[in-house]
C-alpha atoms as a PDB file:
ATOM      1  CA  MET A   1     -75.212-108.391  18.507  1.00  0.00           C
ATOM      2  CA  ALA A   2     -74.580-106.483  15.279  1.00  0.00           C
ATOM      3  CA  ASN A   3     -71.580-107.243  13.116  1.00  0.00           C
ATOM      4  CA  VAL A   4     -69.228-104.313  12.686  1.00  0.00           C
ATOM      5  CA  VAL A   5     -67.791-104.141   9.203  1.00  0.00           C
ATOM      6  CA  SER A   6     -64.734-102.042   8.538  1.00  0.00           C
ATOM      7  CA  LEU A   7     -65.126 -99.750   5.578  1.00  0.00           C
ATOM      8  CA  ASP A   8     -61.482-100.214   4.701  1.00  0.00           C
ATOM      9  CA  PRO A   9     -60.105-103.621   5.695  1.00  0.00           C
ATOM     10  CA  SER A  10     -56.689-102.778   4.241  1.00  0.00           C
ATOM     11  CA  GLY A  11     -56.222 -99.896   6.688  1.00  0.00           C
ATOM     12  CA  THR A  12     -55.456 -97.349   3.999  1.00  0.00           C
ATOM     13  CA  ASP A  13     -58.007 -94.859   5.371  1.00  0.00           C
ATOM     14  CA  ALA A  14     -56.344 -94.993   8.778  1.00  0.00           C
ATOM     15  CA  ARG A  15     -52.941 -94.521   7.159  1.00  0.00           C
ATOM     16  CA  ARG A  16     -54.243 -91.564   5.157  1.00  0.00           C
ATOM     17  CA  VAL A  17     -55.615 -89.908   8.301  1.00  0.00           C
ATOM     18  CA  GLU A  18     -52.305 -90.521  10.059  1.00  0.00           C
ATOM     19  CA  LEU A  19     -50.387 -88.879   7.210  1.00  0.00           C
ATOM     20  CA  MET A  20     -52.738 -85.906   7.158  1.00  0.00           C
ATOM     21  CA  GLN A  21     -52.304 -85.429  10.911  1.00  0.00           C
ATOM     22  CA  ARG A  22     -48.531 -85.554  10.489  1.00  0.00           C
ATOM     23  CA  ILE A  23     -48.713 -82.944   7.723  1.00  0.00           C
ATOM     24  CA  VAL A  24     -50.737 -80.622   9.961  1.00  0.00           C
ATOM     25  CA  ALA A  25     -48.226 -81.042  12.806  1.00  0.00           C
ATOM     26  CA  LEU A  26     -45.307 -80.305  10.471  1.00  0.00           C
ATOM     27  CA  ARG A  27     -47.062 -77.231   9.061  1.00  0.00           C
ATOM     28  CA  ILE A  28     -47.598 -75.901  12.581  1.00  0.00           C
ATOM     29  CA  GLU A  29     -43.941 -76.449  13.421  1.00  0.00           C
ATOM     30  CA  HIS A  30     -42.929 -74.779  10.127  1.00  0.00           C
ATOM     31  CA  ARG A  31     -45.105 -71.742  10.906  1.00  0.00           C
ATOM     32  CA  ASP A  32     -43.735 -71.550  14.457  1.00  0.00           C
ATOM     33  CA  LEU A  33     -40.179 -71.660  13.152  1.00  0.00           C
ATOM     34  CA  ASP A  34     -41.020 -68.859  10.760  1.00  0.00           C
ATOM     35  CA  ASN A  35     -42.128 -66.716  13.710  1.00  0.00           C
ATOM     36  CA  VAL A  36     -39.001 -67.590  15.708  1.00  0.00           C
ATOM     37  CA  LEU A  37     -36.738 -66.742  12.777  1.00  0.00           C
ATOM     38  CA  GLU A  38     -38.437 -63.416  12.265  1.00  0.00           C
ATOM     39  CA  ARG A  39     -38.017 -62.462  15.923  1.00  0.00           C
ATOM     40  CA  LEU A  40     -34.432 -63.720  16.002  1.00  0.00           C
ATOM     41  CA  CYS A  41     -33.437 -61.559  13.038  1.00  0.00           C
ATOM     42  CA  TYR A  42     -34.517 -58.419  14.899  1.00  0.00           C
ATOM     43  CA  GLN A  43     -32.339 -59.147  17.909  1.00  0.00           C
ATOM     44  CA  PRO A  44     -29.120 -57.128  17.767  1.00  0.00           C
ATOM     45  CA  ASP A  45     -26.959 -59.943  19.115  1.00  0.00           C
ATOM     46  CA  TYR A  46     -28.518 -62.993  17.460  1.00  0.00           C
ATOM     47  CA  ASP A  47     -26.554 -66.213  17.148  1.00  0.00           C
ATOM     48  CA  ALA A  48     -25.791 -66.771  13.455  1.00  0.00           C
ATOM     49  CA  MET A  49     -25.236 -70.498  13.998  1.00  0.00           C
ATOM     50  CA  GLN A  50     -28.615 -70.875  15.678  1.00  0.00           C
ATOM     51  CA  LEU A  51     -30.248 -68.908  12.850  1.00  0.00           C
ATOM     52  CA  THR A  52     -28.653 -71.233  10.279  1.00  0.00           C
ATOM     53  CA  ARG A  53     -29.808 -74.350  12.147  1.00  0.00           C
ATOM     54  CA  LEU A  54     -33.355 -73.052  12.388  1.00  0.00           C
ATOM     55  CA  LYS A  55     -33.431 -72.214   8.674  1.00  0.00           C
ATOM     56  CA  ARG A  56     -32.195 -75.707   7.820  1.00  0.00           C
ATOM     57  CA  ARG A  57     -34.845 -77.223  10.073  1.00  0.00           C
ATOM     58  CA  LYS A  58     -37.496 -75.127   8.341  1.00  0.00           C
ATOM     59  CA  LEU A  59     -36.328 -76.329   4.914  1.00  0.00           C
ATOM     60  CA  LEU A  60     -36.331 -79.930   6.145  1.00  0.00           C
ATOM     61  CA  LEU A  61     -39.897 -79.516   7.362  1.00  0.00           C
ATOM     62  CA  LYS A  62     -40.906 -78.085   3.981  1.00  0.00           C
ATOM     63  CA  ASP A  63     -39.383 -81.100   2.220  1.00  0.00           C
ATOM     64  CA  GLN A  64     -41.082 -83.525   4.608  1.00  0.00           C
ATOM     65  CA  ILE A  65     -44.446 -81.849   4.068  1.00  0.00           C
ATOM     66  CA  ALA A  66     -44.032 -82.035   0.285  1.00  0.00           C
ATOM     67  CA  TRP A  67     -43.014 -85.702   0.444  1.00  0.00           C
ATOM     68  CA  LEU A  68     -45.993 -86.611   2.632  1.00  0.00           C
ATOM     69  CA  GLU A  69     -48.395 -84.690   0.412  1.00  0.00           C
ATOM     70  CA  ARG A  70     -47.094 -86.541  -2.648  1.00  0.00           C
ATOM     71  CA  SER A  71     -47.555 -89.856  -0.861  1.00  0.00           C
ATOM     72  CA  LEU A  72     -51.225 -89.010  -0.253  1.00  0.00           C
ATOM     73  CA  GLU A  73     -51.922 -88.438  -3.930  1.00  0.00           C
ATOM     74  CA  PRO A  74     -52.411 -91.485  -6.127  1.00  0.00           C
ATOM     75  CA  ASP A  75     -49.985 -91.968  -8.962  1.00  0.00           C
ATOM     76  CA  THR A  76     -51.314 -90.401 -12.138  1.00  0.00           C
ATOM     77  CA  ARG A  77     -49.757 -91.298 -15.447  1.00  0.00           C
ATOM     78  CA  ALA A  78     -49.759 -88.576 -18.044  1.00  0.00           C
END
């Protein structure tokens, strides 16, 4: 029986993949919200409160994506 050796015993590769998958999911949700907001704006009787909530959610997603992307990059000292 062959010994299986993990390439990354610390699990950082798995964590990195997990973060990248989360970023992709958030980007998809962000894009979908963009489409919803665009359609909502063209409706004559749109709900302003709903529009505001969706815009806030979109901004939150943008911040989350940026935070996750920064956590993927190693610290670089200038």
